[in-house]
C-alpha atoms as a PDB file:
ATOM      1  CA  MET A   1     109.039   0.337  18.176  1.00  0.00           C
ATOM      2  CA  ASN A   2     107.595  -2.685  19.913  1.00  0.00           C
ATOM      3  CA  PRO A   3     109.796  -5.804  19.143  1.00  0.00           C
ATOM      4  CA  LEU A   4     106.570  -7.991  18.407  1.00  0.00           C
ATOM      5  CA  LEU A   5     105.361  -5.470  15.940  1.00  0.00           C
ATOM      6  CA  ASN A   6     108.690  -5.063  14.393  1.00  0.00           C
ATOM      7  CA  LEU A   7     108.903  -8.930  13.898  1.00  0.00           C
ATOM      8  CA  LEU A   8     105.474  -8.861  12.257  1.00  0.00           C
ATOM      9  CA  THR A   9     106.052  -5.711   9.970  1.00  0.00           C
ATOM     10  CA  LYS A  10     109.245  -6.704   8.462  1.00  0.00           C
ATOM     11  CA  PRO A  11     107.965  -9.981   6.642  1.00  0.00           C
ATOM     12  CA  LEU A  12     104.861  -7.992   5.466  1.00  0.00           C
ATOM     13  CA  LEU A  13     107.031  -5.367   4.038  1.00  0.00           C
ATOM     14  CA  ALA A  14     109.327  -7.895   2.257  1.00  0.00           C
ATOM     15  CA  GLY A  15     106.409  -9.691   0.893  1.00  0.00           C
ATOM     16  CA  ALA A  16     104.922  -6.433  -0.421  1.00  0.00           C
ATOM     17  CA  LEU A  17     108.351  -5.745  -2.078  1.00  0.00           C
ATOM     18  CA  THR A  18     108.486  -9.103  -3.694  1.00  0.00           C
ATOM     19  CA  LEU A  19     105.001  -8.696  -5.006  1.00  0.00           C
ATOM     20  CA  SER A  20     105.841  -5.470  -6.600  1.00  0.00           C
ATOM     21  CA  VAL A  21     108.830  -6.696  -8.257  1.00  0.00           C
ATOM     22  CA  GLY A  22     106.977  -9.940  -9.400  1.00  0.00           C
ATOM     23  CA  ALA A  23     104.098  -7.709 -10.793  1.00  0.00           C
ATOM     24  CA  LEU A  24     106.804  -5.526 -12.877  1.00  0.00           C
ATOM     25  CA  MET A  25     108.486  -8.698 -14.361  1.00  0.00           C
ATOM     26  CA  ALA A  26     105.128 -10.182 -15.361  1.00  0.00           C
ATOM     27  CA  ALA A  27     104.161  -7.064 -17.343  1.00  0.00           C
ATOM     28  CA  PRO A  28     102.835  -7.755 -20.676  1.00  0.00           C
ATOM     29  CA  ALA A  29     105.084  -7.391 -23.585  1.00  0.00           C
ATOM     30  CA  SER A  30     103.245  -4.555 -25.068  1.00  0.00           C
ATOM     31  CA  ALA A  31     103.881  -2.523 -21.714  1.00  0.00           C
ATOM     32  CA  THR A  32     107.578  -2.763 -22.511  1.00  0.00           C
ATOM     33  CA  GLY A  33     107.601  -1.792 -26.161  1.00  0.00           C
ATOM     34  CA  SER A  34     108.795  -5.183 -27.309  1.00  0.00           C
ATOM     35  CA  VAL A  35     106.986  -7.580 -29.831  1.00  0.00           C
ATOM     36  CA  THR A  36     105.489 -10.978 -28.739  1.00  0.00           C
ATOM     37  CA  MET A  37     106.847 -13.738 -30.947  1.00  0.00           C
ATOM     38  CA  ALA A  38     105.558 -17.147 -31.288  1.00  0.00           C
ATOM     39  CA  ARG A  39     106.282 -20.331 -33.136  1.00  0.00           C
ATOM     40  CA  PRO A  40     105.002 -20.494 -36.642  1.00  0.00           C
ATOM     41  CA  THR A  41     101.623 -21.876 -37.464  1.00  0.00           C
ATOM     42  CA  GLY A  42      99.929 -23.521 -40.533  1.00  0.00           C
ATOM     43  CA  CYS A  43     103.048 -25.574 -41.454  1.00  0.00           C
ATOM     44  CA  TYR A  44     103.191 -28.589 -43.642  1.00  0.00           C
ATOM     45  CA  SER A  45     106.047 -30.801 -45.335  1.00  0.00           C
ATOM     46  CA  ASN A  46     106.317 -33.290 -47.954  1.00  0.00           C
ATOM     47  CA  VAL A  47     108.807 -35.466 -49.918  1.00  0.00           C
ATOM     48  CA  TRP A  48     109.801 -33.606 -53.040  1.00  0.00           C
ATOM     49  CA  ASN A  49     110.914 -35.476 -56.204  1.00  0.00           C
ATOM     50  CA  LYS A  50     112.463 -38.451 -53.963  1.00  0.00           C
ATOM     51  CA  TRP A  51     115.767 -36.431 -53.362  1.00  0.00           C
ATOM     52  CA  GLY A  52     114.360 -34.235 -50.589  1.00  0.00           C
ATOM     53  CA  ALA A  53     111.631 -32.642 -48.644  1.00  0.00           C
ATOM     54  CA  MET A  54     110.160 -29.227 -48.375  1.00  0.00           C
ATOM     55  CA  ALA A  55     108.506 -27.336 -45.635  1.00  0.00           C
ATOM     56  CA  THR A  56     106.338 -23.926 -45.541  1.00  0.00           C
ATOM     57  CA  CYS A  57     104.237 -22.309 -43.032  1.00  0.00           C
ATOM     58  CA  SER A  58     101.395 -20.043 -43.556  1.00  0.00           C
ATOM     59  CA  ASP A  59     102.193 -17.608 -40.673  1.00  0.00           C
ATOM     60  CA  ASP A  60     105.759 -17.324 -39.225  1.00  0.00           C
ATOM     61  CA  ASN A  61     104.472 -15.375 -35.964  1.00  0.00           C
ATOM     62  CA  GLY A  62     108.056 -14.036 -35.597  1.00  0.00           C
ATOM     63  CA  GLY A  63     109.595 -17.500 -35.496  1.00  0.00           C
ATOM     64  CA  SER A  64     111.187 -19.836 -38.218  1.00  0.00           C
ATOM     65  CA  TRP A  65     111.142 -23.303 -39.525  1.00  0.00           C
ATOM     66  CA  ARG A  66     113.153 -25.775 -41.466  1.00  0.00           C
ATOM     67  CA  ALA A  67     112.500 -28.843 -43.507  1.00  0.00           C
ATOM     68  CA  ILE A  68     113.765 -32.291 -42.402  1.00  0.00           C
ATOM     69  CA  ALA A  69     114.266 -35.047 -44.969  1.00  0.00           C
ATOM     70  CA  LEU A  70     114.553 -38.650 -43.568  1.00  0.00           C
ATOM     71  CA  CYS A  71     116.649 -40.216 -46.441  1.00  0.00           C
ATOM     72  CA  LYS A  72     117.343 -43.910 -46.861  1.00  0.00           C
ATOM     73  CA  SER A  73     120.528 -45.296 -48.402  1.00  0.00           C
ATOM     74  CA  PRO A  74     119.702 -47.910 -51.105  1.00  0.00           C
ATOM     75  CA  SER A  75     122.852 -49.736 -50.498  1.00  0.00           C
ATOM     76  CA  SER A  76     122.761 -50.112 -46.645  1.00  0.00           C
ATOM     77  CA  GLY A  77     119.186 -49.144 -45.753  1.00  0.00           C
ATOM     78  CA  LYS A  78     120.427 -46.722 -43.288  1.00  0.00           C
ATOM     79  CA  LEU A  79     118.183 -43.594 -42.399  1.00  0.00           C
ATOM     80  CA  THR A  80     119.803 -40.453 -42.173  1.00  0.00           C
ATOM     81  CA  PRO A  81     118.185 -36.984 -41.339  1.00  0.00           C
ATOM     82  CA  TYR A  82     119.135 -33.926 -43.412  1.00  0.00           C
ATOM     83  CA  TYR A  83     118.012 -30.456 -42.606  1.00  0.00           C
ATOM     84  CA  GLY A  84     116.982 -27.561 -44.811  1.00  0.00           C
ATOM     85  CA  PRO A  85     117.938 -23.932 -44.093  1.00  0.00           C
ATOM     86  CA  TRP A  86     115.815 -21.897 -41.468  1.00  0.00           C
ATOM     87  CA  ARG A  87     113.212 -19.802 -43.238  1.00  0.00           C
ATOM     88  CA  SER A  88     110.651 -17.323 -42.332  1.00  0.00           C
ATOM     89  CA  GLY A  89     108.026 -15.256 -44.209  1.00  0.00           C
ATOM     90  CA  ASP A  90     106.749 -16.788 -47.256  1.00  0.00           C
ATOM     91  CA  ALA A  91     109.870 -18.778 -48.083  1.00  0.00           C
ATOM     92  CA  THR A  92     110.118 -22.616 -48.394  1.00  0.00           C
ATOM     93  CA  SER A  93     112.685 -24.690 -46.689  1.00  0.00           C
ATOM     94  CA  ILE A  94     114.124 -27.447 -48.689  1.00  0.00           C
ATOM     95  CA  ALA A  95     116.288 -30.433 -47.416  1.00  0.00           C
ATOM     96  CA  TYR A  96     118.214 -32.429 -49.920  1.00  0.00           C
ATOM     97  CA  CYS A  97     119.171 -36.067 -49.407  1.00  0.00           C
ATOM     98  CA  GLY A  98     122.940 -36.828 -49.517  1.00  0.00           C
ATOM     99  CA  GLY A  99     124.717 -38.964 -52.030  1.00  0.00           C
ATOM    100  CA  ASP A 100     122.368 -41.726 -53.620  1.00  0.00           C
ATOM    101  CA  SER A 101     119.928 -41.810 -50.681  1.00  0.00           C
ATOM    102  CA  VAL A 102     116.254 -41.112 -51.197  1.00  0.00           C
ATOM    103  CA  ALA A 103     113.658 -39.492 -49.056  1.00  0.00           C
ATOM    104  CA  SER A 104     111.512 -41.831 -47.163  1.00  0.00           C
ATOM    105  CA  SER A 105     109.574 -39.076 -45.246  1.00  0.00           C
ATOM    106  CA  ALA A 106     109.577 -35.423 -44.636  1.00  0.00           C
ATOM    107  CA  GLY A 107     108.929 -33.389 -41.429  1.00  0.00           C
ATOM    108  CA  PHE A 108     109.754 -29.796 -40.182  1.00  0.00           C
ATOM    109  CA  GLU A 109     111.000 -28.176 -37.004  1.00  0.00           C
ATOM    110  CA  THR A 110     110.148 -24.750 -35.755  1.00  0.00           C
ATOM    111  CA  ARG A 111     111.713 -22.174 -33.527  1.00  0.00           C
ATOM    112  CA  VAL A 112     111.193 -18.851 -31.845  1.00  0.00           C
ATOM    113  CA  TYR A 113     114.177 -16.421 -32.412  1.00  0.00           C
END
């Protein structure tokens, strides 16, 4: 084979192989039989009875969420976050304040499994 032709074809073949492998790796999830998962949507949270916070989401999309209560100590004024359990489906996550602290605000965080 001509040495010049050999120098030109090797990079082209390597590039074609890389493109083929990249195309396989970028295949949609449905092509491999797996389920696409995303973060929950339609989520909201609120302070619940001064001693904690609750959070829920309307659609888990295969992910989960948990409530976060930002609680304030009446004696020191220190703010401390408390976390509820991870939930999915139609469940509600509740975060309880510790000790004599009182919930000053509520929030939530989401994740994909």
